[in-house]
């Protein structure tokens, strides 16, 4: 059933629990004391895949030429300079930027665990706790997808950059991650960085940990052809087949990217109910390729969206790009309705991040929503009944006017209410890392 655009809607919010008490339509005028949200109010946007520290690369990696692998070298150089305080400061600003873009929940694929050289901080989860604190201060929900990263590739020891990521074994990873706890706006999940980074005989450890905690499990899957080729050489199996063999696939699992898949891979992912998180702005920025999103969905894989490396933080652009990429690939228009694209950006992402009650404007659900202005140079003109099409196919993060999370007004009239100068916070956080490099 396709959602409809309704004028004159009243959302009654219970301040005690931050949930929607009722949704009333046909309201001619707001009741006394009501907050008036002028524009198109949508369920809060879900950013299913984030690496917060990659935001420091914006602009730098767009100069010159290269491949995913040359980009990775620059990414490692930023990772080498972070500590819990600088990571907190950067992530707080990044999550505030997300709130300005209408994002109310983010999945942080977190693998930067330890100090340079691999030494553990006094609190082994200091970096993860820094991210949790940053999200709280920026006013967004967080699913911390604590990531197992053991090997530089199919059993090889981590290189000097990757020592910060590695716990040595998946058992050690599980012991450290067990200390992390859910909170009112925080949920703890798990991730397999990739089949390169977690040896096959340790994949089950991560999957079992996630099942025992009833946590969501994510994995980078077939982002690069080189990963597939190396997996075939090492195991005679594609990455998707290897994950299936070791119990990683399933309805609580999301494969991120899922770009270079065989027909058999697509069938495996779909039949198992494994989700797919597409990150179109990163996939095009890194020249990764266009994944088989339509085939995956048709096979049974729910689609969600992420901003990944944060070349752009704009979930409307990610939703639009999902459709436009498919048009380029097939030279046919109209693969998804606007409602389907919005579901990928909202309810499907909430589900993939372990918040199944979110992503919809319904009584009893969390009061997470965002309002897109309909009077900007990008969105003005179409009739109200086409407001969703205007937002998805022409709007941008710059058109977001309000963001509400758990009933709290985090962004009001385009300004963040908790982080007063987000651009300045980003500038200072990135500058601090650049000073470390000097």
Foldseek 3Di string as FASTA:
>chain_A
DFDFFAPAWDFDADLVFQFTAFIDGPHPDDDPPDDDFAFGKFFFFEAQEAAQQLQLCQPVVLPDDDFLVVVVVVVLLLLLLDDLVLLLLSLLLSLLLLVLLRHAEYEYADQQQDHQQQHADPLSRSNVVSNVVSNVLSRHFYEYALEAFAAQFQPHGDDRSCSSRHLNALVSSLVSLVPDDADSRYHYHHEYAFCTGHHLVRLLVRQVSCVVVVHAYEYAAPLAVVNQVRCCVNPVDGRLVSCVVNVNAALSYEHEQQADDDPVSLLSNQVRQHAYEYQQVVCVSNVSHQHPVLSSVVSHHQYAYHNYSPNDNKLLVRLQRNQVSVCVVPVDHDSDDLSSSLCNRFQSSCVNSPNNLGRGSRRPGRNWMWGFHQPDPQRDDDDSRCSSVSCNNGNTSQRIAWTAGSNRTQHHGSAGPSDGCSVVSNVVSSVVSVVSVD
